[in-house]
Amino acid sequence: MLLVGMLDSPYVRRAAITGTLLEVPFEHRSVSVFRHMAEFRAINPLIKAPTLVTDDGIAISESLLIIQHFEDVAGRSLRPIEGVARRRDLALTGIGIVAADKAVSIEYERKRPEAQRYAPWQERIVTQLHVALDLLDAAAREGELTAGPELLPSDIAAAIAWGFCRFVIPEFAPEERWPALAEQARACEALDVFKTWPIDRE
């Protein structure tokens, strides 16, 4: 299988780390949806990162669906099987994804020409990001987010979202405001699987 996309994307990175932890064999090709549009279009006409090309040539878009396919191939999931632990992991994973989504939105919004920016919308997405980070920091303080020894999807999503925030919009995510989350993310980044898939800073 082939995973396509740049590792500066939190979605590409989350899929790669999860696939590795599930011990699913895949190759990675670093292709930008901006700088290499023609190359990406030839792989997936949607020009959507990440894209996973399966062994039979089917292109799957969206990181959640790619991870679902990795789970299908592996015959297992990193998520708890049932009960409160499973529901809590689903909830925290969703919060981590929201944090990444809002960080992406903030980055795109501030790249717009000044005349095209809408202040109430900008304020809304910053507030949504900060609420998500508040919730993740509280979970990290309470030990619901960790760096293993067995990583859960929520651990991965939270650490990757924080790393992305610090990479692209650090002024919106000061470490001193969310110290527990920052520490959990640092511990995750020190793991071999995170080092295998570092943020692409090119």
N, C-alpha and C. Protein backbone atom coordinates (compact mmCIF):
# COMPACT_ATOMS: atom_id res chain seq x y z
N MET A 1 0.84 -1.19 0.00
CA MET A 1 0.00 0.00 0.00
C MET A 1 0.88 1.25 0.00
N LEU A 2 0.31 2.33 -0.47
CA LEU A 2 1.05 3.59 -0.58
C LEU A 2 0.27 4.70 0.12
N LEU A 3 0.89 5.33 1.12
CA LEU A 3 0.31 6.48 1.80
C LEU A 3 0.93 7.74 1.22
N VAL A 4 0.07 8.62 0.72
CA VAL A 4 0.55 9.80 0.00
C VAL A 4 0.19 11.06 0.78
N GLY A 5 1.17 11.94 0.96
CA GLY A 5 0.92 13.23 1.60
C GLY A 5 2.12 13.67 2.41
N MET A 6 2.17 14.95 2.70
CA MET A 6 3.28 15.54 3.45
C MET A 6 3.08 15.34 4.95
N LEU A 7 4.17 15.14 5.66
CA LEU A 7 4.09 14.93 7.10
C LEU A 7 3.93 16.23 7.89
N ASP A 8 3.81 17.37 7.20
CA ASP A 8 3.41 18.58 7.91
C ASP A 8 1.90 18.60 8.13
N SER A 9 1.19 17.62 7.54
CA SER A 9 -0.24 17.47 7.75
C SER A 9 -0.49 16.59 8.97
N PRO A 10 -1.29 17.06 9.94
CA PRO A 10 -1.58 16.20 11.10
C PRO A 10 -2.35 14.95 10.71
N TYR A 11 -3.09 15.01 9.60
CA TYR A 11 -3.89 13.86 9.17
C TYR A 11 -3.01 12.78 8.56
N VAL A 12 -2.06 13.19 7.75
CA VAL A 12 -1.10 12.24 7.17
C VAL A 12 -0.29 11.59 8.29
N ARG A 13 0.17 12.42 9.20
CA ARG A 13 1.02 11.92 10.27
C ARG A 13 0.27 10.95 11.19
N ARG A 14 -0.97 11.26 11.51
CA ARG A 14 -1.76 10.37 12.37
C ARG A 14 -1.99 9.02 11.70
N ALA A 15 -2.27 9.04 10.41
CA ALA A 15 -2.47 7.79 9.68
C ALA A 15 -1.18 6.97 9.65
N ALA A 16 -0.05 7.63 9.41
CA ALA A 16 1.23 6.92 9.32
C ALA A 16 1.60 6.29 10.66
N ILE A 17 1.46 7.04 11.73
CA ILE A 17 1.80 6.52 13.05
C ILE A 17 0.89 5.37 13.43
N THR A 18 -0.40 5.51 13.16
CA THR A 18 -1.34 4.45 13.50
C THR A 18 -1.07 3.20 12.69
N GLY A 19 -0.83 3.35 11.39
CA GLY A 19 -0.52 2.19 10.56
C GLY A 19 0.72 1.47 11.02
N THR A 20 1.72 2.23 11.45
CA THR A 20 2.96 1.62 11.94
C THR A 20 2.71 0.85 13.24
N LEU A 21 1.96 1.44 14.15
CA LEU A 21 1.65 0.75 15.40
C LEU A 21 0.82 -0.51 15.18
N LEU A 22 -0.01 -0.50 14.13
CA LEU A 22 -0.81 -1.68 13.80
C LEU A 22 0.01 -2.72 13.01
N GLU A 23 1.26 -2.37 12.70
CA GLU A 23 2.17 -3.25 11.97
C GLU A 23 1.64 -3.60 10.58
N VAL A 24 1.02 -2.61 9.95
CA VAL A 24 0.54 -2.76 8.58
C VAL A 24 1.64 -2.27 7.63
N PRO A 25 2.07 -3.09 6.70
CA PRO A 25 3.13 -2.64 5.78
C PRO A 25 2.60 -1.64 4.76
N PHE A 26 3.27 -0.51 4.64
CA PHE A 26 2.91 0.48 3.63
C PHE A 26 4.13 1.31 3.31
N GLU A 27 4.12 1.90 2.14
CA GLU A 27 5.15 2.86 1.75
C GLU A 27 4.58 4.27 1.89
N HIS A 28 5.46 5.24 1.98
CA HIS A 28 5.02 6.63 2.08
C HIS A 28 5.65 7.43 0.96
N ARG A 29 4.84 8.28 0.33
CA ARG A 29 5.35 9.19 -0.69
C ARG A 29 4.98 10.61 -0.29
N SER A 30 5.99 11.46 -0.13
CA SER A 30 5.77 12.83 0.29
C SER A 30 5.44 13.69 -0.92
N VAL A 31 4.14 13.96 -1.10
CA VAL A 31 3.66 14.75 -2.24
C VAL A 31 2.79 15.87 -1.69
N SER A 32 3.04 17.10 -2.11
CA SER A 32 2.30 18.26 -1.63
C SER A 32 1.06 18.50 -2.48
N VAL A 33 -0.06 18.80 -1.80
CA VAL A 33 -1.28 19.13 -2.53
C VAL A 33 -1.20 20.52 -3.14
N PHE A 34 -0.20 21.30 -2.76
CA PHE A 34 -0.02 22.64 -3.30
C PHE A 34 1.09 22.70 -4.35
N ARG A 35 2.26 22.18 -4.01
CA ARG A 35 3.41 22.30 -4.90
C ARG A 35 3.45 21.21 -5.98
N HIS A 36 2.76 20.10 -5.74
CA HIS A 36 2.82 18.97 -6.68
C HIS A 36 1.40 18.56 -7.09
N MET A 37 0.59 19.52 -7.46
CA MET A 37 -0.82 19.25 -7.73
C MET A 37 -1.01 18.24 -8.85
N ALA A 38 -0.26 18.36 -9.92
CA ALA A 38 -0.42 17.45 -11.05
C ALA A 38 -0.06 16.02 -10.63
N GLU A 39 1.01 15.88 -9.88
CA GLU A 39 1.41 14.55 -9.42
C GLU A 39 0.35 13.96 -8.49
N PHE A 40 -0.19 14.79 -7.59
CA PHE A 40 -1.20 14.29 -6.66
C PHE A 40 -2.49 13.95 -7.41
N ARG A 41 -2.85 14.78 -8.37
CA ARG A 41 -4.08 14.53 -9.14
C ARG A 41 -4.01 13.19 -9.86
N ALA A 42 -2.82 12.81 -10.32
CA ALA A 42 -2.67 11.53 -11.00
C ALA A 42 -2.89 10.35 -10.06
N ILE A 43 -2.65 10.58 -8.76
CA ILE A 43 -2.87 9.54 -7.76
C ILE A 43 -4.31 9.55 -7.29
N ASN A 44 -4.83 10.74 -7.04
CA ASN A 44 -6.21 10.92 -6.57
C ASN A 44 -6.73 12.22 -7.15
N PRO A 45 -7.72 12.17 -8.03
CA PRO A 45 -8.20 13.40 -8.67
C PRO A 45 -8.80 14.40 -7.69
N LEU A 46 -9.10 13.96 -6.46
CA LEU A 46 -9.60 14.88 -5.45
C LEU A 46 -8.48 15.76 -4.88
N ILE A 47 -7.22 15.38 -5.12
CA ILE A 47 -6.05 16.08 -4.57
C ILE A 47 -6.23 16.24 -3.06
N LYS A 48 -6.43 15.12 -2.39
CA LYS A 48 -6.76 15.09 -0.97
C LYS A 48 -5.69 14.32 -0.20
N ALA A 49 -5.11 15.00 0.79
CA ALA A 49 -4.11 14.34 1.64
C ALA A 49 -4.69 14.12 3.04
N PRO A 50 -4.47 12.93 3.59
CA PRO A 50 -3.74 11.82 2.98
C PRO A 50 -4.62 11.05 2.01
N THR A 51 -3.96 10.36 1.09
CA THR A 51 -4.59 9.36 0.24
C THR A 51 -3.85 8.06 0.44
N LEU A 52 -4.60 6.98 0.58
CA LEU A 52 -4.00 5.65 0.65
C LEU A 52 -4.38 4.90 -0.61
N VAL A 53 -3.39 4.41 -1.33
CA VAL A 53 -3.62 3.57 -2.50
C VAL A 53 -3.44 2.12 -2.05
N THR A 54 -4.52 1.36 -2.08
CA THR A 54 -4.48 -0.02 -1.60
C THR A 54 -3.74 -0.91 -2.60
N ASP A 55 -3.49 -2.14 -2.18
CA ASP A 55 -2.75 -3.07 -3.03
C ASP A 55 -3.46 -3.35 -4.35
N ASP A 56 -4.80 -3.20 -4.36
CA ASP A 56 -5.53 -3.41 -5.61
C ASP A 56 -5.83 -2.11 -6.34
N GLY A 57 -5.13 -1.02 -5.95
CA GLY A 57 -5.20 0.22 -6.71
C GLY A 57 -6.33 1.15 -6.36
N ILE A 58 -7.06 0.89 -5.29
CA ILE A 58 -8.16 1.76 -4.87
C ILE A 58 -7.61 2.89 -4.01
N ALA A 59 -8.01 4.13 -4.32
CA ALA A 59 -7.56 5.30 -3.57
C ALA A 59 -8.58 5.65 -2.50
N ILE A 60 -8.15 5.62 -1.24
CA ILE A 60 -9.01 5.96 -0.11
C ILE A 60 -8.59 7.32 0.43
N SER A 61 -9.55 8.23 0.53
CA SER A 61 -9.30 9.56 1.10
C SER A 61 -9.80 9.58 2.54
N GLU A 62 -9.39 10.59 3.28
CA GLU A 62 -9.78 10.85 4.67
C GLU A 62 -9.04 9.94 5.64
N SER A 63 -8.39 10.55 6.59
CA SER A 63 -7.53 9.81 7.52
C SER A 63 -8.30 8.81 8.36
N LEU A 64 -9.51 9.16 8.79
CA LEU A 64 -10.30 8.21 9.59
C LEU A 64 -10.60 6.94 8.81
N LEU A 65 -10.90 7.06 7.53
CA LEU A 65 -11.20 5.90 6.71
C LEU A 65 -9.94 5.11 6.39
N ILE A 66 -8.83 5.82 6.22
CA ILE A 66 -7.55 5.14 6.00
C ILE A 66 -7.19 4.31 7.23
N ILE A 67 -7.35 4.90 8.41
CA ILE A 67 -7.07 4.17 9.64
C ILE A 67 -8.02 2.98 9.78
N GLN A 68 -9.28 3.16 9.40
CA GLN A 68 -10.22 2.04 9.44
C GLN A 68 -9.73 0.90 8.54
N HIS A 69 -9.21 1.24 7.37
CA HIS A 69 -8.68 0.21 6.47
C HIS A 69 -7.46 -0.46 7.09
N PHE A 70 -6.58 0.32 7.71
CA PHE A 70 -5.44 -0.28 8.40
C PHE A 70 -5.91 -1.27 9.47
N GLU A 71 -6.96 -0.91 10.19
CA GLU A 71 -7.50 -1.81 11.21
C GLU A 71 -8.08 -3.08 10.58
N ASP A 72 -8.73 -2.91 9.45
CA ASP A 72 -9.26 -4.08 8.74
C ASP A 72 -8.15 -5.03 8.34
N VAL A 73 -7.07 -4.46 7.81
CA VAL A 73 -5.93 -5.27 7.37
C VAL A 73 -5.27 -5.95 8.57
N ALA A 74 -5.11 -5.19 9.66
CA ALA A 74 -4.43 -5.72 10.85
C ALA A 74 -5.31 -6.69 11.63
N GLY A 75 -6.61 -6.56 11.46
CA GLY A 75 -7.53 -7.39 12.23
C GLY A 75 -7.63 -6.98 13.69
N ARG A 76 -7.29 -5.76 13.97
CA ARG A 76 -7.36 -5.25 15.34
C ARG A 76 -7.37 -3.74 15.32
N SER A 77 -7.61 -3.16 16.49
CA SER A 77 -7.62 -1.71 16.65
C SER A 77 -6.77 -1.34 17.85
N LEU A 78 -6.29 -0.11 17.87
CA LEU A 78 -5.59 0.40 19.05
C LEU A 78 -6.56 0.85 20.12
N ARG A 79 -7.83 0.97 19.76
CA ARG A 79 -8.85 1.48 20.68
C ARG A 79 -9.38 0.37 21.59
N PRO A 80 -9.71 0.69 22.84
CA PRO A 80 -10.32 -0.32 23.70
C PRO A 80 -11.55 -0.93 23.03
N ILE A 81 -11.81 -2.20 23.33
CA ILE A 81 -12.86 -2.94 22.62
C ILE A 81 -14.25 -2.49 23.01
N GLU A 82 -14.48 -2.22 24.28
CA GLU A 82 -15.84 -1.91 24.71
C GLU A 82 -15.82 -1.07 25.98
N GLY A 83 -17.04 -0.68 26.38
CA GLY A 83 -17.22 -0.02 27.65
C GLY A 83 -16.86 1.45 27.68
N VAL A 84 -16.75 1.97 28.90
CA VAL A 84 -16.47 3.38 29.12
C VAL A 84 -15.13 3.77 28.51
N ALA A 85 -14.14 2.89 28.62
CA ALA A 85 -12.81 3.21 28.10
C ALA A 85 -12.87 3.46 26.60
N ARG A 86 -13.66 2.67 25.90
CA ARG A 86 -13.80 2.86 24.45
C ARG A 86 -14.50 4.18 24.14
N ARG A 87 -15.58 4.44 24.84
CA ARG A 87 -16.33 5.68 24.58
C ARG A 87 -15.49 6.90 24.93
N ARG A 88 -14.71 6.82 26.01
CA ARG A 88 -13.88 7.95 26.38
C ARG A 88 -12.78 8.17 25.35
N ASP A 89 -12.22 7.08 24.83
CA ASP A 89 -11.19 7.22 23.81
C ASP A 89 -11.78 7.82 22.53
N LEU A 90 -12.97 7.40 22.16
CA LEU A 90 -13.63 7.99 20.99
C LEU A 90 -13.83 9.49 21.19
N ALA A 91 -14.28 9.88 22.39
CA ALA A 91 -14.52 11.29 22.67
C ALA A 91 -13.24 12.10 22.60
N LEU A 92 -12.18 11.60 23.23
CA LEU A 92 -10.92 12.34 23.25
C LEU A 92 -10.26 12.37 21.87
N THR A 93 -10.40 11.28 21.12
CA THR A 93 -9.88 11.29 19.74
C THR A 93 -10.57 12.38 18.93
N GLY A 94 -11.89 12.47 19.09
CA GLY A 94 -12.63 13.51 18.38
C GLY A 94 -12.18 14.90 18.76
N ILE A 95 -11.90 15.12 20.03
CA ILE A 95 -11.42 16.43 20.47
C ILE A 95 -10.06 16.74 19.86
N GLY A 96 -9.19 15.73 19.80
CA GLY A 96 -7.89 15.93 19.17
C GLY A 96 -8.02 16.28 17.70
N ILE A 97 -8.95 15.63 17.02
CA ILE A 97 -9.17 15.92 15.60
C ILE A 97 -9.72 17.34 15.43
N VAL A 98 -10.64 17.74 16.30
CA VAL A 98 -11.15 19.11 16.25
C VAL A 98 -10.03 20.12 16.44
N ALA A 99 -9.14 19.87 17.41
CA ALA A 99 -8.02 20.79 17.63
C ALA A 99 -7.18 20.93 16.37
N ALA A 100 -6.89 19.81 15.71
CA ALA A 100 -6.11 19.87 14.47
C ALA A 100 -6.88 20.61 13.38
N ASP A 101 -8.17 20.32 13.26
CA ASP A 101 -9.00 20.97 12.24
C ASP A 101 -9.00 22.49 12.42
N LYS A 102 -9.17 22.94 13.66
CA LYS A 102 -9.24 24.39 13.91
C LYS A 102 -7.88 25.05 13.71
N ALA A 103 -6.82 24.34 14.04
CA ALA A 103 -5.49 24.89 13.78
C ALA A 103 -5.26 25.07 12.28
N VAL A 104 -5.70 24.08 11.49
CA VAL A 104 -5.61 24.20 10.03
C VAL A 104 -6.42 25.40 9.55
N SER A 105 -7.63 25.55 10.08
CA SER A 105 -8.50 26.67 9.67
C SER A 105 -7.87 28.02 10.00
N ILE A 106 -7.29 28.12 11.18
CA ILE A 106 -6.63 29.37 11.57
C ILE A 106 -5.48 29.69 10.61
N GLU A 107 -4.70 28.68 10.29
CA GLU A 107 -3.57 28.89 9.39
C GLU A 107 -4.04 29.34 8.01
N TYR A 108 -5.10 28.72 7.49
CA TYR A 108 -5.62 29.11 6.18
C TYR A 108 -6.22 30.51 6.22
N GLU A 109 -6.95 30.82 7.29
CA GLU A 109 -7.61 32.12 7.38
C GLU A 109 -6.60 33.26 7.38
N ARG A 110 -5.51 33.09 8.09
CA ARG A 110 -4.57 34.20 8.17
C ARG A 110 -3.73 34.35 6.90
N LYS A 111 -3.85 33.39 6.00
CA LYS A 111 -3.18 33.52 4.70
C LYS A 111 -4.05 34.25 3.68
N ARG A 112 -5.32 34.48 4.04
CA ARG A 112 -6.19 35.22 3.14
C ARG A 112 -5.77 36.70 3.09
N PRO A 113 -6.04 37.38 1.98
CA PRO A 113 -5.85 38.83 1.97
C PRO A 113 -6.70 39.48 3.06
N GLU A 114 -6.21 40.54 3.63
CA GLU A 114 -6.88 41.19 4.76
C GLU A 114 -8.34 41.50 4.45
N ALA A 115 -8.62 41.93 3.23
CA ALA A 115 -9.98 42.32 2.86
C ALA A 115 -10.95 41.14 2.85
N GLN A 116 -10.43 39.92 2.78
CA GLN A 116 -11.28 38.74 2.72
C GLN A 116 -11.45 38.06 4.07
N ARG A 117 -10.86 38.60 5.10
CA ARG A 117 -10.95 38.00 6.42
C ARG A 117 -12.21 38.49 7.13
N TYR A 118 -12.82 37.61 7.92
CA TYR A 118 -14.05 37.93 8.64
C TYR A 118 -13.78 37.69 10.12
N ALA A 119 -13.65 38.78 10.86
CA ALA A 119 -13.20 38.72 12.25
C ALA A 119 -14.06 37.80 13.12
N PRO A 120 -15.40 37.85 13.05
CA PRO A 120 -16.19 36.95 13.90
C PRO A 120 -15.89 35.46 13.63
N TRP A 121 -15.65 35.12 12.39
CA TRP A 121 -15.30 33.73 12.07
C TRP A 121 -13.93 33.37 12.65
N GLN A 122 -12.97 34.27 12.52
CA GLN A 122 -11.65 34.03 13.06
C GLN A 122 -11.71 33.85 14.58
N GLU A 123 -12.50 34.68 15.24
CA GLU A 123 -12.65 34.56 16.69
C GLU A 123 -13.29 33.23 17.07
N ARG A 124 -14.25 32.80 16.27
CA ARG A 124 -14.94 31.53 16.57
C ARG A 124 -13.99 30.35 16.50
N ILE A 125 -13.18 30.27 15.44
CA ILE A 125 -12.33 29.10 15.30
C ILE A 125 -11.20 29.12 16.33
N VAL A 126 -10.73 30.31 16.71
CA VAL A 126 -9.73 30.37 17.78
C VAL A 126 -10.34 29.89 19.10
N THR A 127 -11.58 30.31 19.37
CA THR A 127 -12.25 29.86 20.59
C THR A 127 -12.44 28.34 20.58
N GLN A 128 -12.84 27.79 19.43
CA GLN A 128 -13.01 26.34 19.33
C GLN A 128 -11.69 25.61 19.56
N LEU A 129 -10.62 26.13 19.01
CA LEU A 129 -9.30 25.53 19.24
C LEU A 129 -8.97 25.55 20.72
N HIS A 130 -9.15 26.68 21.37
CA HIS A 130 -8.77 26.82 22.76
C HIS A 130 -9.62 25.94 23.67
N VAL A 131 -10.90 25.80 23.36
CA VAL A 131 -11.74 24.88 24.14
C VAL A 131 -11.25 23.45 23.98
N ALA A 132 -10.91 23.06 22.75
CA ALA A 132 -10.39 21.71 22.52
C ALA A 132 -9.10 21.49 23.29
N LEU A 133 -8.20 22.47 23.28
CA LEU A 133 -6.94 22.35 24.01
C LEU A 133 -7.17 22.31 25.52
N ASP A 134 -8.15 23.08 26.01
CA ASP A 134 -8.52 23.02 27.43
C ASP A 134 -8.93 21.60 27.82
N LEU A 135 -9.77 20.98 27.00
CA LEU A 135 -10.27 19.64 27.30
C LEU A 135 -9.15 18.60 27.23
N LEU A 136 -8.27 18.73 26.27
CA LEU A 136 -7.16 17.79 26.15
C LEU A 136 -6.18 17.96 27.31
N ASP A 137 -5.93 19.20 27.71
CA ASP A 137 -5.02 19.44 28.82
C ASP A 137 -5.59 18.85 30.12
N ALA A 138 -6.90 19.01 30.32
CA ALA A 138 -7.53 18.43 31.51
C ALA A 138 -7.42 16.91 31.50
N ALA A 139 -7.61 16.31 30.33
CA ALA A 139 -7.49 14.86 30.22
C ALA A 139 -6.06 14.40 30.50
N ALA A 140 -5.09 15.18 30.02
CA ALA A 140 -3.69 14.82 30.28
C ALA A 140 -3.37 14.95 31.76
N ARG A 141 -3.89 15.98 32.41
CA ARG A 141 -3.67 16.14 33.86
C ARG A 141 -4.24 14.97 34.64
N GLU A 142 -5.36 14.46 34.18
CA GLU A 142 -6.04 13.37 34.89
C GLU A 142 -5.52 12.00 34.48
N GLY A 143 -4.52 11.96 33.62
CA GLY A 143 -3.93 10.68 33.21
C GLY A 143 -4.71 9.94 32.16
N GLU A 144 -5.69 10.60 31.54
CA GLU A 144 -6.46 9.96 30.48
C GLU A 144 -5.72 9.98 29.15
N LEU A 145 -4.79 10.89 29.01
CA LEU A 145 -3.90 10.92 27.86
C LEU A 145 -2.49 10.65 28.35
N THR A 146 -1.81 9.71 27.71
CA THR A 146 -0.47 9.33 28.14
C THR A 146 0.41 9.14 26.91
N ALA A 147 1.61 8.65 27.16
CA ALA A 147 2.53 8.28 26.07
C ALA A 147 2.79 6.78 26.11
N GLY A 148 1.80 6.03 26.50
CA GLY A 148 1.92 4.58 26.49
C GLY A 148 1.99 4.01 27.89
N PRO A 149 2.42 2.75 28.02
CA PRO A 149 3.18 1.96 27.03
C PRO A 149 2.40 1.52 25.80
N GLU A 150 1.07 1.44 25.90
CA GLU A 150 0.27 1.12 24.72
C GLU A 150 -0.50 2.37 24.34
N LEU A 151 -0.14 2.95 23.20
CA LEU A 151 -0.79 4.19 22.77
C LEU A 151 -2.21 3.92 22.30
N LEU A 152 -3.11 4.79 22.71
CA LEU A 152 -4.48 4.78 22.23
C LEU A 152 -4.63 5.80 21.11
N PRO A 153 -5.66 5.66 20.28
CA PRO A 153 -5.89 6.67 19.25
C PRO A 153 -6.00 8.09 19.80
N SER A 154 -6.57 8.23 21.00
CA SER A 154 -6.69 9.56 21.59
C SER A 154 -5.32 10.13 21.96
N ASP A 155 -4.41 9.29 22.46
CA ASP A 155 -3.06 9.74 22.77
C ASP A 155 -2.39 10.29 21.51
N ILE A 156 -2.53 9.54 20.43
CA ILE A 156 -1.91 9.93 19.16
C ILE A 156 -2.51 11.22 18.63
N ALA A 157 -3.85 11.29 18.62
CA ALA A 157 -4.54 12.47 18.08
C ALA A 157 -4.18 13.73 18.86
N ALA A 158 -4.13 13.62 20.20
CA ALA A 158 -3.81 14.78 21.02
C ALA A 158 -2.39 15.26 20.79
N ALA A 159 -1.44 14.34 20.80
CA ALA A 159 -0.04 14.71 20.63
C ALA A 159 0.21 15.32 19.26
N ILE A 160 -0.40 14.75 18.24
CA ILE A 160 -0.19 15.27 16.89
C ILE A 160 -0.84 16.64 16.73
N ALA A 161 -2.03 16.81 17.30
CA ALA A 161 -2.68 18.13 17.22
C ALA A 161 -1.83 19.19 17.90
N TRP A 162 -1.30 18.87 19.08
CA TRP A 162 -0.46 19.83 19.78
C TRP A 162 0.80 20.14 18.99
N GLY A 163 1.44 19.11 18.47
CA GLY A 163 2.65 19.33 17.67
C GLY A 163 2.38 20.21 16.47
N PHE A 164 1.23 20.00 15.82
CA PHE A 164 0.87 20.82 14.66
C PHE A 164 0.63 22.27 15.08
N CYS A 165 -0.07 22.46 16.21
CA CYS A 165 -0.31 23.83 16.70
C CYS A 165 1.01 24.55 16.95
N ARG A 166 1.92 23.87 17.61
CA ARG A 166 3.20 24.49 17.93
C ARG A 166 4.03 24.76 16.67
N PHE A 167 3.81 23.96 15.64
CA PHE A 167 4.55 24.10 14.39
C PHE A 167 4.04 25.28 13.55
N VAL A 168 2.71 25.39 13.40
CA VAL A 168 2.17 26.38 12.47
C VAL A 168 1.62 27.64 13.14
N ILE A 169 1.07 27.50 14.35
CA ILE A 169 0.43 28.66 14.99
C ILE A 169 0.85 28.75 16.47
N PRO A 170 2.14 28.78 16.77
CA PRO A 170 2.56 28.74 18.18
C PRO A 170 2.02 29.89 19.01
N GLU A 171 1.77 31.03 18.37
CA GLU A 171 1.25 32.16 19.13
C GLU A 171 -0.16 31.92 19.66
N PHE A 172 -0.88 30.97 19.06
CA PHE A 172 -2.22 30.62 19.52
C PHE A 172 -2.20 29.44 20.51
N ALA A 173 -1.03 28.87 20.74
CA ALA A 173 -0.93 27.69 21.61
C ALA A 173 0.31 27.77 22.49
N PRO A 174 0.35 28.74 23.40
CA PRO A 174 1.51 28.85 24.30
C PRO A 174 1.57 27.66 25.28
N GLU A 175 2.75 27.12 25.45
CA GLU A 175 2.90 25.93 26.29
C GLU A 175 2.48 26.17 27.73
N GLU A 176 2.72 27.38 28.22
CA GLU A 176 2.41 27.64 29.63
C GLU A 176 0.91 27.59 29.92
N ARG A 177 0.08 27.74 28.90
CA ARG A 177 -1.37 27.68 29.13
C ARG A 177 -1.87 26.24 29.20
N TRP A 178 -1.19 25.33 28.50
CA TRP A 178 -1.62 23.93 28.47
C TRP A 178 -0.44 23.01 28.78
N PRO A 179 0.14 23.10 29.98
CA PRO A 179 1.38 22.39 30.28
C PRO A 179 1.25 20.87 30.30
N ALA A 180 0.12 20.36 30.75
CA ALA A 180 -0.03 18.90 30.81
C ALA A 180 -0.09 18.30 29.41
N LEU A 181 -0.82 18.95 28.52
CA LEU A 181 -0.89 18.49 27.13
C LEU A 181 0.47 18.60 26.47
N ALA A 182 1.17 19.71 26.72
CA ALA A 182 2.50 19.89 26.14
C ALA A 182 3.44 18.78 26.59
N GLU A 183 3.37 18.40 27.87
CA GLU A 183 4.23 17.34 28.39
C GLU A 183 3.86 15.99 27.80
N GLN A 184 2.57 15.71 27.67
CA GLN A 184 2.14 14.45 27.05
C GLN A 184 2.63 14.36 25.61
N ALA A 185 2.53 15.46 24.89
CA ALA A 185 2.98 15.48 23.50
C ALA A 185 4.49 15.30 23.40
N ARG A 186 5.24 15.94 24.30
CA ARG A 186 6.70 15.78 24.30
C ARG A 186 7.08 14.33 24.54
N ALA A 187 6.38 13.68 25.45
CA ALA A 187 6.67 12.27 25.74
C ALA A 187 6.36 11.40 24.53
N CYS A 188 5.28 11.69 23.82
CA CYS A 188 4.95 10.94 22.61
C CYS A 188 6.00 11.18 21.52
N GLU A 189 6.41 12.44 21.36
CA GLU A 189 7.39 12.75 20.32
C GLU A 189 8.74 12.07 20.57
N ALA A 190 9.01 11.68 21.81
CA ALA A 190 10.25 10.99 22.14
C ALA A 190 10.19 9.50 21.79
N LEU A 191 9.01 8.99 21.46
CA LEU A 191 8.85 7.58 21.12
C LEU A 191 9.37 7.31 19.71
N ASP A 192 9.86 6.10 19.51
CA ASP A 192 10.43 5.74 18.20
C ASP A 192 9.42 5.92 17.07
N VAL A 193 8.15 5.56 17.30
CA VAL A 193 7.17 5.63 16.21
C VAL A 193 6.92 7.08 15.79
N PHE A 194 6.96 8.00 16.73
CA PHE A 194 6.80 9.41 16.38
C PHE A 194 8.05 9.92 15.68
N LYS A 195 9.21 9.45 16.13
CA LYS A 195 10.45 9.86 15.47
C LYS A 195 10.53 9.32 14.04
N THR A 196 9.91 8.17 13.81
CA THR A 196 9.88 7.61 12.46
C THR A 196 9.08 8.49 11.51
N TRP A 197 8.08 9.17 12.05
CA TRP A 197 7.20 10.02 11.24
C TRP A 197 7.20 11.44 11.81
N PRO A 198 8.32 12.16 11.69
CA PRO A 198 8.40 13.53 12.23
C PRO A 198 7.66 14.53 11.35
N ILE A 199 7.31 15.65 11.95
CA ILE A 199 6.69 16.73 11.19
C ILE A 199 7.65 17.16 10.08
N ASP A 200 7.15 17.22 8.87
CA ASP A 200 7.94 17.67 7.72
C ASP A 200 8.01 19.20 7.77
N ARG A 201 9.19 19.74 8.07
CA ARG A 201 9.33 21.18 8.27
C ARG A 201 9.86 21.90 7.03
N GLU A 202 9.80 21.26 5.87
CA GLU A 202 10.28 21.90 4.64
C GLU A 202 9.33 23.01 4.20
